All heavy atoms as atom14 arrays in JSON, in Angstrom:
{
  "sequence": "LVFNSMLLLVQLILIYVFSIPFLEEGEGRIIIFVFAFLMNLLFFI",
  "atom14_mask": [
    [1, 1, 1, 1, 1, 1, 1, 1, 0, 0, 0, 0, 0, 0],
    [1, 1, 1, 1, 1, 1, 1, 0, 0, 0, 0, 0, 0, 0],
    [1, 1, 1, 1, 1, 1, 1, 1, 1, 1, 1, 0, 0, 0],
    [1, 1, 1, 1, 1, 1, 1, 1, 0, 0, 0, 0, 0, 0],
    [1, 1, 1, 1, 1, 1, 0, 0, 0, 0, 0, 0, 0, 0],
    [1, 1, 1, 1, 1, 1, 1, 1, 0, 0, 0, 0, 0, 0],
    [1, 1, 1, 1, 1, 1, 1, 1, 0, 0, 0, 0, 0, 0],
    [1, 1, 1, 1, 1, 1, 1, 1, 0, 0, 0, 0, 0, 0],
    [1, 1, 1, 1, 1, 1, 1, 1, 0, 0, 0, 0, 0, 0],
    [1, 1, 1, 1, 1, 1, 1, 0, 0, 0, 0, 0, 0, 0],
    [1, 1, 1, 1, 1, 1, 1, 1, 1, 0, 0, 0, 0, 0],
    [1, 1, 1, 1, 1, 1, 1, 1, 0, 0, 0, 0, 0, 0],
    [1, 1, 1, 1, 1, 1, 1, 1, 0, 0, 0, 0, 0, 0],
    [1, 1, 1, 1, 1, 1, 1, 1, 0, 0, 0, 0, 0, 0],
    [1, 1, 1, 1, 1, 1, 1, 1, 0, 0, 0, 0, 0, 0],
    [1, 1, 1, 1, 1, 1, 1, 1, 1, 1, 1, 1, 0, 0],
    [1, 1, 1, 1, 1, 1, 1, 0, 0, 0, 0, 0, 0, 0],
    [1, 1, 1, 1, 1, 1, 1, 1, 1, 1, 1, 0, 0, 0],
    [1, 1, 1, 1, 1, 1, 0, 0, 0, 0, 0, 0, 0, 0],
    [1, 1, 1, 1, 1, 1, 1, 1, 0, 0, 0, 0, 0, 0],
    [1, 1, 1, 1, 1, 1, 1, 0, 0, 0, 0, 0, 0, 0],
    [1, 1, 1, 1, 1, 1, 1, 1, 1, 1, 1, 0, 0, 0],
    [1, 1, 1, 1, 1, 1, 1, 1, 0, 0, 0, 0, 0, 0],
    [1, 1, 1, 1, 1, 1, 1, 1, 1, 0, 0, 0, 0, 0],
    [1, 1, 1, 1, 1, 1, 1, 1, 1, 0, 0, 0, 0, 0],
    [1, 1, 1, 1, 0, 0, 0, 0, 0, 0, 0, 0, 0, 0],
    [1, 1, 1, 1, 1, 1, 1, 1, 1, 0, 0, 0, 0, 0],
    [1, 1, 1, 1, 0, 0, 0, 0, 0, 0, 0, 0, 0, 0],
    [1, 1, 1, 1, 1, 1, 1, 1, 1, 1, 1, 0, 0, 0],
    [1, 1, 1, 1, 1, 1, 1, 1, 0, 0, 0, 0, 0, 0],
    [1, 1, 1, 1, 1, 1, 1, 1, 0, 0, 0, 0, 0, 0],
    [1, 1, 1, 1, 1, 1, 1, 1, 0, 0, 0, 0, 0, 0],
    [1, 1, 1, 1, 1, 1, 1, 1, 1, 1, 1, 0, 0, 0],
    [1, 1, 1, 1, 1, 1, 1, 0, 0, 0, 0, 0, 0, 0],
    [1, 1, 1, 1, 1, 1, 1, 1, 1, 1, 1, 0, 0, 0],
    [1, 1, 1, 1, 1, 0, 0, 0, 0, 0, 0, 0, 0, 0],
    [1, 1, 1, 1, 1, 1, 1, 1, 1, 1, 1, 0, 0, 0],
    [1, 1, 1, 1, 1, 1, 1, 1, 0, 0, 0, 0, 0, 0],
    [1, 1, 1, 1, 1, 1, 1, 1, 0, 0, 0, 0, 0, 0],
    [1, 1, 1, 1, 1, 1, 1, 1, 0, 0, 0, 0, 0, 0],
    [1, 1, 1, 1, 1, 1, 1, 1, 0, 0, 0, 0, 0, 0],
    [1, 1, 1, 1, 1, 1, 1, 1, 0, 0, 0, 0, 0, 0],
    [1, 1, 1, 1, 1, 1, 1, 1, 1, 1, 1, 0, 0, 0],
    [1, 1, 1, 1, 1, 1, 1, 1, 1, 1, 1, 0, 0, 0],
    [1, 1, 1, 1, 1, 1, 1, 1, 0, 0, 0, 0, 0, 0]
  ],
  "atom14_positions": [
    [[-14.5, 1.72, 0.97], [-14.24, 2.22, -0.38], [-13.37, 3.47, -0.34], [-12.38, 3.58, -1.07], [-15.55, 2.5, -1.11], [-15.41, 3.07, -2.52], [-14.84, 2.01, -3.45], [-16.76, 3.56, -3.02], [0.0, 0.0, 0.0], [0.0, 0.0, 0.0], [0.0, 0.0, 0.0], [0.0, 0.0, 0.0], [0.0, 0.0, 0.0], [0.0, 0.0, 0.0]],
    [[-13.72, 4.41, 0.52], [-12.95, 5.64, 0.64], [-11.54, 5.34, 1.11], [-10.56, 5.81, 0.52], [-13.65, 6.64, 1.6], [-12.75, 7.81, 1.92], [-14.95, 7.12, 1.0], [0.0, 0.0, 0.0], [0.0, 0.0, 0.0], [0.0, 0.0, 0.0], [0.0, 0.0, 0.0], [0.0, 0.0, 0.0], [0.0, 0.0, 0.0], [0.0, 0.0, 0.0]],
    [[-11.41, 4.54, 2.16], [-10.09, 4.26, 2.71], [-9.2, 3.51, 1.72], [-8.06, 3.92, 1.47], [-10.2, 3.47, 4.01], [-8.86, 3.09, 4.57], [-8.03, 4.06, 5.12], [-8.42, 1.78, 4.54], [-6.79, 3.72, 5.61], [-7.18, 1.44, 5.04], [-6.36, 2.42, 5.58], [0.0, 0.0, 0.0], [0.0, 0.0, 0.0], [0.0, 0.0, 0.0]],
    [[-9.71, 2.43, 1.17], [-8.86, 1.62, 0.29], [-8.53, 2.32, -1.02], [-7.43, 2.16, -1.55], [-9.52, 0.26, 0.04], [-9.39, -0.63, 1.25], [-8.31, -0.84, 1.78], [-10.52, -1.12, 1.73], [0.0, 0.0, 0.0], [0.0, 0.0, 0.0], [0.0, 0.0, 0.0], [0.0, 0.0, 0.0], [0.0, 0.0, 0.0], [0.0, 0.0, 0.0]],
    [[-9.45, 3.11, -1.55], [-9.12, 3.85, -2.78], [-8.06, 4.9, -2.5], [-7.15, 5.11, -3.31], [-10.38, 4.47, -3.39], [-10.98, 5.36, -2.5], [0.0, 0.0, 0.0], [0.0, 0.0, 0.0], [0.0, 0.0, 0.0], [0.0, 0.0, 0.0], [0.0, 0.0, 0.0], [0.0, 0.0, 0.0], [0.0, 0.0, 0.0], [0.0, 0.0, 0.0]],
    [[-8.13, 5.55, -1.35], [-7.11, 6.55, -1.01], [-5.77, 5.88, -0.68], [-4.72, 6.41, -1.05], [-7.56, 7.43, 0.15], [-8.65, 8.38, -0.19], [-8.19, 9.46, -1.57], [-9.53, 9.12, -2.69], [0.0, 0.0, 0.0], [0.0, 0.0, 0.0], [0.0, 0.0, 0.0], [0.0, 0.0, 0.0], [0.0, 0.0, 0.0], [0.0, 0.0, 0.0]],
    [[-5.8, 4.74, -0.04], [-4.56, 4.01, 0.23], [-3.9, 3.59, -1.08], [-2.68, 3.74, -1.24], [-4.85, 2.79, 1.11], [-3.66, 1.99, 1.6], [-2.78, 2.84, 2.5], [-4.14, 0.76, 2.35], [0.0, 0.0, 0.0], [0.0, 0.0, 0.0], [0.0, 0.0, 0.0], [0.0, 0.0, 0.0], [0.0, 0.0, 0.0], [0.0, 0.0, 0.0]],
    [[-4.69, 3.12, -2.01], [-4.16, 2.76, -3.33], [-3.62, 3.99, -4.06], [-2.54, 3.95, -4.66], [-5.25, 2.07, -4.17], [-4.85, 1.66, -5.58], [-3.75, 0.6, -5.55], [-6.06, 1.16, -6.34], [0.0, 0.0, 0.0], [0.0, 0.0, 0.0], [0.0, 0.0, 0.0], [0.0, 0.0, 0.0], [0.0, 0.0, 0.0], [0.0, 0.0, 0.0]],
    [[-4.35, 5.08, -3.99], [-3.91, 6.32, -4.64], [-2.6, 6.82, -4.04], [-1.71, 7.26, -4.78], [-5.0, 7.39, -4.52], [-4.73, 8.71, -5.22], [-4.58, 8.51, -6.73], [-5.85, 9.7, -4.92], [0.0, 0.0, 0.0], [0.0, 0.0, 0.0], [0.0, 0.0, 0.0], [0.0, 0.0, 0.0], [0.0, 0.0, 0.0], [0.0, 0.0, 0.0]],
    [[-2.45, 6.74, -2.74], [-1.19, 7.15, -2.09], [-0.04, 6.32, -2.63], [1.01, 6.86, -3.0], [-1.29, 7.03, -0.55], [0.08, 7.11, 0.09], [-2.2, 8.1, 0.02], [0.0, 0.0, 0.0], [0.0, 0.0, 0.0], [0.0, 0.0, 0.0], [0.0, 0.0, 0.0], [0.0, 0.0, 0.0], [0.0, 0.0, 0.0], [0.0, 0.0, 0.0]],
    [[-0.22, 5.02, -2.68], [0.86, 4.15, -3.16], [1.17, 4.4, -4.63], [2.34, 4.41, -5.02], [0.5, 2.67, -2.91], [0.39, 2.3, -1.45], [1.62, 2.68, -0.64], [2.75, 2.54, -1.07], [1.37, 3.16, 0.57], [0.0, 0.0, 0.0], [0.0, 0.0, 0.0], [0.0, 0.0, 0.0], [0.0, 0.0, 0.0], [0.0, 0.0, 0.0]],
    [[0.15, 4.62, -5.44], [0.4, 4.9, -6.86], [1.13, 6.23, -7.05], [2.04, 6.33, -7.89], [-0.91, 4.9, -7.64], [-1.58, 3.53, -7.8], [-2.94, 3.68, -8.47], [-0.7, 2.57, -8.55], [0.0, 0.0, 0.0], [0.0, 0.0, 0.0], [0.0, 0.0, 0.0], [0.0, 0.0, 0.0], [0.0, 0.0, 0.0], [0.0, 0.0, 0.0]],
    [[0.76, 7.24, -6.29], [1.46, 8.53, -6.38], [2.91, 8.38, -5.93], [3.81, 8.94, -6.55], [0.72, 9.61, -5.56], [-0.6, 9.96, -6.23], [1.58, 10.85, -5.39], [-1.49, 10.87, -5.42], [0.0, 0.0, 0.0], [0.0, 0.0, 0.0], [0.0, 0.0, 0.0], [0.0, 0.0, 0.0], [0.0, 0.0, 0.0], [0.0, 0.0, 0.0]],
    [[3.11, 7.63, -4.85], [4.49, 7.43, -4.38], [5.34, 6.72, -5.42], [6.5, 7.07, -5.63], [4.49, 6.62, -3.07], [4.0, 7.36, -1.83], [3.88, 6.39, -0.66], [4.92, 8.5, -1.47], [0.0, 0.0, 0.0], [0.0, 0.0, 0.0], [0.0, 0.0, 0.0], [0.0, 0.0, 0.0], [0.0, 0.0, 0.0], [0.0, 0.0, 0.0]],
    [[4.76, 5.74, -6.09], [5.52, 4.97, -7.07], [5.73, 5.75, -8.37], [6.86, 5.85, -8.86], [4.81, 3.62, -7.36], [4.86, 2.74, -6.12], [5.44, 2.92, -8.56], [3.97, 1.51, -6.19], [0.0, 0.0, 0.0], [0.0, 0.0, 0.0], [0.0, 0.0, 0.0], [0.0, 0.0, 0.0], [0.0, 0.0, 0.0], [0.0, 0.0, 0.0]],
    [[4.66, 6.32, -8.92], [4.75, 6.9, -10.26], [5.07, 8.39, -10.29], [5.56, 8.88, -11.3], [3.46, 6.62, -11.03], [3.27, 5.15, -11.3], [2.27, 4.43, -10.66], [4.13, 4.47, -12.16], [2.11, 3.08, -10.89], [3.99, 3.12, -12.39], [2.98, 2.43, -11.76], [2.84, 1.09, -11.98], [0.0, 0.0, 0.0], [0.0, 0.0, 0.0]],
    [[4.82, 9.12, -9.22], [5.14, 10.54, -9.22], [6.45, 10.8, -8.5], [7.33, 11.5, -9.01], [4.0, 11.37, -8.58], [4.38, 12.83, -8.45], [2.71, 11.22, -9.39], [0.0, 0.0, 0.0], [0.0, 0.0, 0.0], [0.0, 0.0, 0.0], [0.0, 0.0, 0.0], [0.0, 0.0, 0.0], [0.0, 0.0, 0.0], [0.0, 0.0, 0.0]],
    [[6.6, 10.22, -7.31], [7.79, 10.46, -6.51], [8.86, 9.37, -6.66], [9.91, 9.46, -6.06], [7.42, 10.62, -5.03], [6.58, 11.83, -4.75], [5.26, 11.69, -4.35], [7.09, 13.1, -4.91], [4.47, 12.8, -4.1], [6.32, 14.22, -4.66], [5.01, 14.07, -4.25], [0.0, 0.0, 0.0], [0.0, 0.0, 0.0], [0.0, 0.0, 0.0]],
    [[8.6, 8.33, -7.44], [9.54, 7.22, -7.69], [10.02, 6.56, -6.41], [11.2, 6.23, -6.26], [10.73, 7.7, -8.52], [10.3, 8.19, -9.76], [0.0, 0.0, 0.0], [0.0, 0.0, 0.0], [0.0, 0.0, 0.0], [0.0, 0.0, 0.0], [0.0, 0.0, 0.0], [0.0, 0.0, 0.0], [0.0, 0.0, 0.0], [0.0, 0.0, 0.0]],
    [[9.12, 6.37, -5.47], [9.42, 5.68, -4.22], [8.79, 4.29, -4.32], [7.56, 4.17, -4.29], [8.87, 6.44, -3.0], [9.46, 7.84, -2.95], [9.15, 5.68, -1.71], [8.82, 8.75, -1.93], [0.0, 0.0, 0.0], [0.0, 0.0, 0.0], [0.0, 0.0, 0.0], [0.0, 0.0, 0.0], [0.0, 0.0, 0.0], [0.0, 0.0, 0.0]],
    [[9.59, 3.24, -4.43], [9.02, 1.9, -4.6], [8.34, 1.39, -3.34], [8.75, 1.69, -2.22], [10.24, 1.04, -4.95], [11.39, 1.74, -4.33], [11.05, 3.21, -4.38], [0.0, 0.0, 0.0], [0.0, 0.0, 0.0], [0.0, 0.0, 0.0], [0.0, 0.0, 0.0], [0.0, 0.0, 0.0], [0.0, 0.0, 0.0], [0.0, 0.0, 0.0]],
    [[7.27, 0.61, -3.52], [6.57, 0.0, -2.38], [7.36, -1.18, -1.84], [7.5, -1.34, -0.65], [5.17, -0.45, -2.8], [4.39, -1.06, -1.68], [3.87, -0.26, -0.68], [4.19, -2.42, -1.61], [3.16, -0.8, 0.37], [3.47, -2.98, -0.56], [2.95, -2.16, 0.43], [0.0, 0.0, 0.0], [0.0, 0.0, 0.0], [0.0, 0.0, 0.0]],
    [[7.87, -2.01, -2.74], [8.63, -3.19, -2.36], [10.11, -2.99, -2.67], [10.46, -2.45, -3.72], [8.14, -4.43, -3.11], [6.72, -4.9, -2.8], [6.36, -6.04, -3.71], [6.59, -5.3, -1.36], [0.0, 0.0, 0.0], [0.0, 0.0, 0.0], [0.0, 0.0, 0.0], [0.0, 0.0, 0.0], [0.0, 0.0, 0.0], [0.0, 0.0, 0.0]],
    [[10.94, -3.43, -1.78], [12.38, -3.42, -2.03], [12.73, -4.65, -2.86], [11.95, -5.6, -2.96], [13.15, -3.45, -0.7], [12.94, -2.23, 0.16], [13.47, -0.95, -0.47], [14.51, -1.01, -1.16], [12.83, 0.1, -0.28], [0.0, 0.0, 0.0], [0.0, 0.0, 0.0], [0.0, 0.0, 0.0], [0.0, 0.0, 0.0], [0.0, 0.0, 0.0]],
    [[13.89, -4.65, -3.41], [14.37, -5.77, -4.23], [14.35, -7.06, -3.41], [14.86, -7.11, -2.3], [15.8, -5.47, -4.7], [16.31, -6.35, -5.79], [15.79, -5.95, -7.15], [15.4, -4.79, -7.35], [15.76, -6.83, -8.02], [0.0, 0.0, 0.0], [0.0, 0.0, 0.0], [0.0, 0.0, 0.0], [0.0, 0.0, 0.0], [0.0, 0.0, 0.0]],
    [[13.71, -8.1, -3.94], [13.71, -9.4, -3.29], [12.54, -9.63, -2.34], [12.4, -10.73, -1.82], [0.0, 0.0, 0.0], [0.0, 0.0, 0.0], [0.0, 0.0, 0.0], [0.0, 0.0, 0.0], [0.0, 0.0, 0.0], [0.0, 0.0, 0.0], [0.0, 0.0, 0.0], [0.0, 0.0, 0.0], [0.0, 0.0, 0.0], [0.0, 0.0, 0.0]],
    [[11.72, -8.65, -2.08], [10.57, -8.85, -1.19], [9.45, -9.51, -1.97], [9.23, -9.23, -3.14], [10.09, -7.52, -0.6], [11.05, -6.94, 0.41], [10.53, -5.64, 1.01], [9.61, -5.03, 0.43], [11.07, -5.24, 2.04], [0.0, 0.0, 0.0], [0.0, 0.0, 0.0], [0.0, 0.0, 0.0], [0.0, 0.0, 0.0], [0.0, 0.0, 0.0]],
    [[8.72, -10.38, -1.3], [7.61, -11.08, -1.94], [6.37, -10.22, -2.07], [6.17, -9.26, -1.34], [0.0, 0.0, 0.0], [0.0, 0.0, 0.0], [0.0, 0.0, 0.0], [0.0, 0.0, 0.0], [0.0, 0.0, 0.0], [0.0, 0.0, 0.0], [0.0, 0.0, 0.0], [0.0, 0.0, 0.0], [0.0, 0.0, 0.0], [0.0, 0.0, 0.0]],
    [[5.54, -10.58, -3.02], [4.31, -9.82, -3.26], [3.27, -10.06, -2.17], [2.31, -9.31, -2.08], [3.74, -10.18, -4.62], [4.71, -9.88, -5.74], [4.01, -9.11, -6.81], [4.95, -8.86, -7.9], [5.39, -7.67, -8.2], [5.02, -6.65, -7.5], [6.23, -7.5, -9.19], [0.0, 0.0, 0.0], [0.0, 0.0, 0.0], [0.0, 0.0, 0.0]],
    [[3.46, -11.06, -1.34], [2.53, -11.32, -0.25], [2.52, -10.15, 0.74], [1.53, -9.9, 1.42], [2.86, -12.65, 0.47], [1.74, -13.06, 1.44], [4.16, -12.55, 1.22], [0.53, -13.57, 0.76], [0.0, 0.0, 0.0], [0.0, 0.0, 0.0], [0.0, 0.0, 0.0], [0.0, 0.0, 0.0], [0.0, 0.0, 0.0], [0.0, 0.0, 0.0]],
    [[3.61, -9.41, 0.77], [3.72, -8.25, 1.67], [2.65, -7.21, 1.33], [2.12, -6.54, 2.22], [5.14, -7.65, 1.61], [6.11, -8.63, 2.24], [5.2, -6.3, 2.28], [7.55, -8.22, 2.18], [0.0, 0.0, 0.0], [0.0, 0.0, 0.0], [0.0, 0.0, 0.0], [0.0, 0.0, 0.0], [0.0, 0.0, 0.0], [0.0, 0.0, 0.0]],
    [[2.29, -7.09, 0.06], [1.24, -6.15, -0.35], [-0.08, -6.5, 0.31], [-0.77, -5.63, 0.85], [1.1, -6.12, -1.89], [2.37, -5.57, -2.52], [-0.12, -5.32, -2.32], [2.41, -5.69, -4.02], [0.0, 0.0, 0.0], [0.0, 0.0, 0.0], [0.0, 0.0, 0.0], [0.0, 0.0, 0.0], [0.0, 0.0, 0.0], [0.0, 0.0, 0.0]],
    [[-0.42, -7.78, 0.32], [-1.69, -8.21, 0.93], [-1.66, -8.09, 2.44], [-2.66, -7.71, 3.06], [-2.02, -9.64, 0.49], [-2.25, -9.75, -0.99], [-1.31, -10.37, -1.8], [-3.37, -9.2, -1.58], [-1.51, -10.46, -3.17], [-3.58, -9.28, -2.95], [-2.64, -9.91, -3.73], [0.0, 0.0, 0.0], [0.0, 0.0, 0.0], [0.0, 0.0, 0.0]],
    [[-0.52, -8.4, 3.04], [-0.38, -8.25, 4.49], [-0.49, -6.78, 4.88], [-1.18, -6.43, 5.84], [0.96, -8.86, 4.98], [1.22, -8.53, 6.44], [0.97, -10.36, 4.76], [0.0, 0.0, 0.0], [0.0, 0.0, 0.0], [0.0, 0.0, 0.0], [0.0, 0.0, 0.0], [0.0, 0.0, 0.0], [0.0, 0.0, 0.0], [0.0, 0.0, 0.0]],
    [[0.16, -5.92, 4.1], [0.09, -4.49, 4.34], [-1.35, -3.99, 4.24], [-1.84, -3.25, 5.1], [0.98, -3.74, 3.34], [0.86, -2.26, 3.39], [1.47, -1.54, 4.42], [0.15, -1.56, 2.43], [1.36, -0.16, 4.47], [0.03, -0.18, 2.48], [0.64, 0.52, 3.51], [0.0, 0.0, 0.0], [0.0, 0.0, 0.0], [0.0, 0.0, 0.0]],
    [[-2.06, -4.39, 3.19], [-3.45, -3.95, 3.0], [-4.35, -4.46, 4.14], [-5.19, -3.71, 4.65], [-3.98, -4.44, 1.66], [0.0, 0.0, 0.0], [0.0, 0.0, 0.0], [0.0, 0.0, 0.0], [0.0, 0.0, 0.0], [0.0, 0.0, 0.0], [0.0, 0.0, 0.0], [0.0, 0.0, 0.0], [0.0, 0.0, 0.0], [0.0, 0.0, 0.0]],
    [[-4.16, -5.69, 4.55], [-4.95, -6.25, 5.65], [-4.7, -5.49, 6.95], [-5.64, -5.11, 7.65], [-4.64, -7.74, 5.84], [-5.3, -8.33, 7.05], [-6.66, -8.61, 7.03], [-4.57, -8.57, 8.2], [-7.28, -9.15, 8.16], [-5.18, -9.09, 9.33], [-6.54, -9.39, 9.31], [0.0, 0.0, 0.0], [0.0, 0.0, 0.0], [0.0, 0.0, 0.0]],
    [[-3.43, -5.26, 7.26], [-3.09, -4.55, 8.5], [-3.57, -3.1, 8.47], [-4.02, -2.58, 9.5], [-1.59, -4.63, 8.75], [-1.04, -6.01, 9.12], [0.47, -5.98, 9.24], [-1.68, -6.54, 10.38], [0.0, 0.0, 0.0], [0.0, 0.0, 0.0], [0.0, 0.0, 0.0], [0.0, 0.0, 0.0], [0.0, 0.0, 0.0], [0.0, 0.0, 0.0]],
    [[-3.48, -2.46, 7.33], [-3.97, -1.08, 7.22], [-5.49, -1.02, 7.4], [-6.0, -0.1, 8.03], [-3.56, -0.46, 5.9], [-2.08, -0.1, 5.82], [-1.54, 1.05, 7.09], [-2.44, 2.52, 6.66], [0.0, 0.0, 0.0], [0.0, 0.0, 0.0], [0.0, 0.0, 0.0], [0.0, 0.0, 0.0], [0.0, 0.0, 0.0], [0.0, 0.0, 0.0]],
    [[-6.21, -2.0, 6.87], [-7.65, -2.03, 7.06], [-8.01, -2.3, 8.51], [-8.95, -1.71, 9.04], [-8.3, -3.07, 6.15], [-8.53, -2.54, 4.76], [-9.49, -1.83, 4.53], [-7.63, -2.87, 3.84], [0.0, 0.0, 0.0], [0.0, 0.0, 0.0], [0.0, 0.0, 0.0], [0.0, 0.0, 0.0], [0.0, 0.0, 0.0], [0.0, 0.0, 0.0]],
    [[-7.27, -3.15, 9.17], [-7.48, -3.4, 10.59], [-7.21, -2.13, 11.39], [-8.01, -1.76, 12.27], [-6.55, -4.53, 11.07], [-6.69, -4.96, 12.51], [-8.06, -5.55, 12.77], [-5.6, -5.97, 12.84], [0.0, 0.0, 0.0], [0.0, 0.0, 0.0], [0.0, 0.0, 0.0], [0.0, 0.0, 0.0], [0.0, 0.0, 0.0], [0.0, 0.0, 0.0]],
    [[-6.15, -1.45, 11.06], [-5.83, -0.18, 11.71], [-6.9, 0.87, 11.44], [-7.26, 1.65, 12.33], [-4.46, 0.31, 11.22], [-3.82, 1.46, 11.96], [-3.58, 1.09, 13.42], [-2.52, 1.83, 11.3], [0.0, 0.0, 0.0], [0.0, 0.0, 0.0], [0.0, 0.0, 0.0], [0.0, 0.0, 0.0], [0.0, 0.0, 0.0], [0.0, 0.0, 0.0]],
    [[-7.45, 0.86, 10.24], [-8.52, 1.79, 9.91], [-9.77, 1.55, 10.76], [-10.4, 2.49, 11.24], [-8.88, 1.69, 8.43], [-10.16, 2.38, 8.09], [-10.25, 3.77, 8.15], [-11.27, 1.66, 7.72], [-11.44, 4.41, 7.86], [-12.46, 2.3, 7.43], [-12.55, 3.67, 7.49], [0.0, 0.0, 0.0], [0.0, 0.0, 0.0], [0.0, 0.0, 0.0]],
    [[-10.14, 0.29, 10.97], [-11.3, -0.01, 11.81], [-11.1, 0.5, 13.24], [-12.02, 1.05, 13.85], [-11.59, -1.51, 11.83], [-12.27, -2.0, 10.59], [-11.69, -3.0, 9.83], [-13.48, -1.46, 10.17], [-12.31, -3.46, 8.69], [-14.1, -1.91, 9.03], [-13.51, -2.91, 8.28], [0.0, 0.0, 0.0], [0.0, 0.0, 0.0], [0.0, 0.0, 0.0]],
    [[-9.9, 0.32, 13.76], [-9.59, 0.82, 15.1], [-9.66, 2.34, 15.12], [-10.24, 2.94, 16.04], [-8.2, 0.31, 15.55], [-8.23, -1.2, 15.71], [-7.77, 0.98, 16.85], [-6.88, -1.85, 15.88], [0.0, 0.0, 0.0], [0.0, 0.0, 0.0], [0.0, 0.0, 0.0], [0.0, 0.0, 0.0], [0.0, 0.0, 0.0], [0.0, 0.0, 0.0]]
  ]
}
C-alpha cells in the first residue's frame, strides 16, 4: 500500500505538476501495467 500509493503519487506529480508525460506518443497503455509489475518486483527485492 505504501509503495504503490507513493509510486502513483510520483507519477501524478510528474504529469500534473511538472508536465512530464508517463507515456510518449504512440506507446500502448500496457506499458503502465508492465511498469507497475516490474516496480513491485523491484520493491520486493
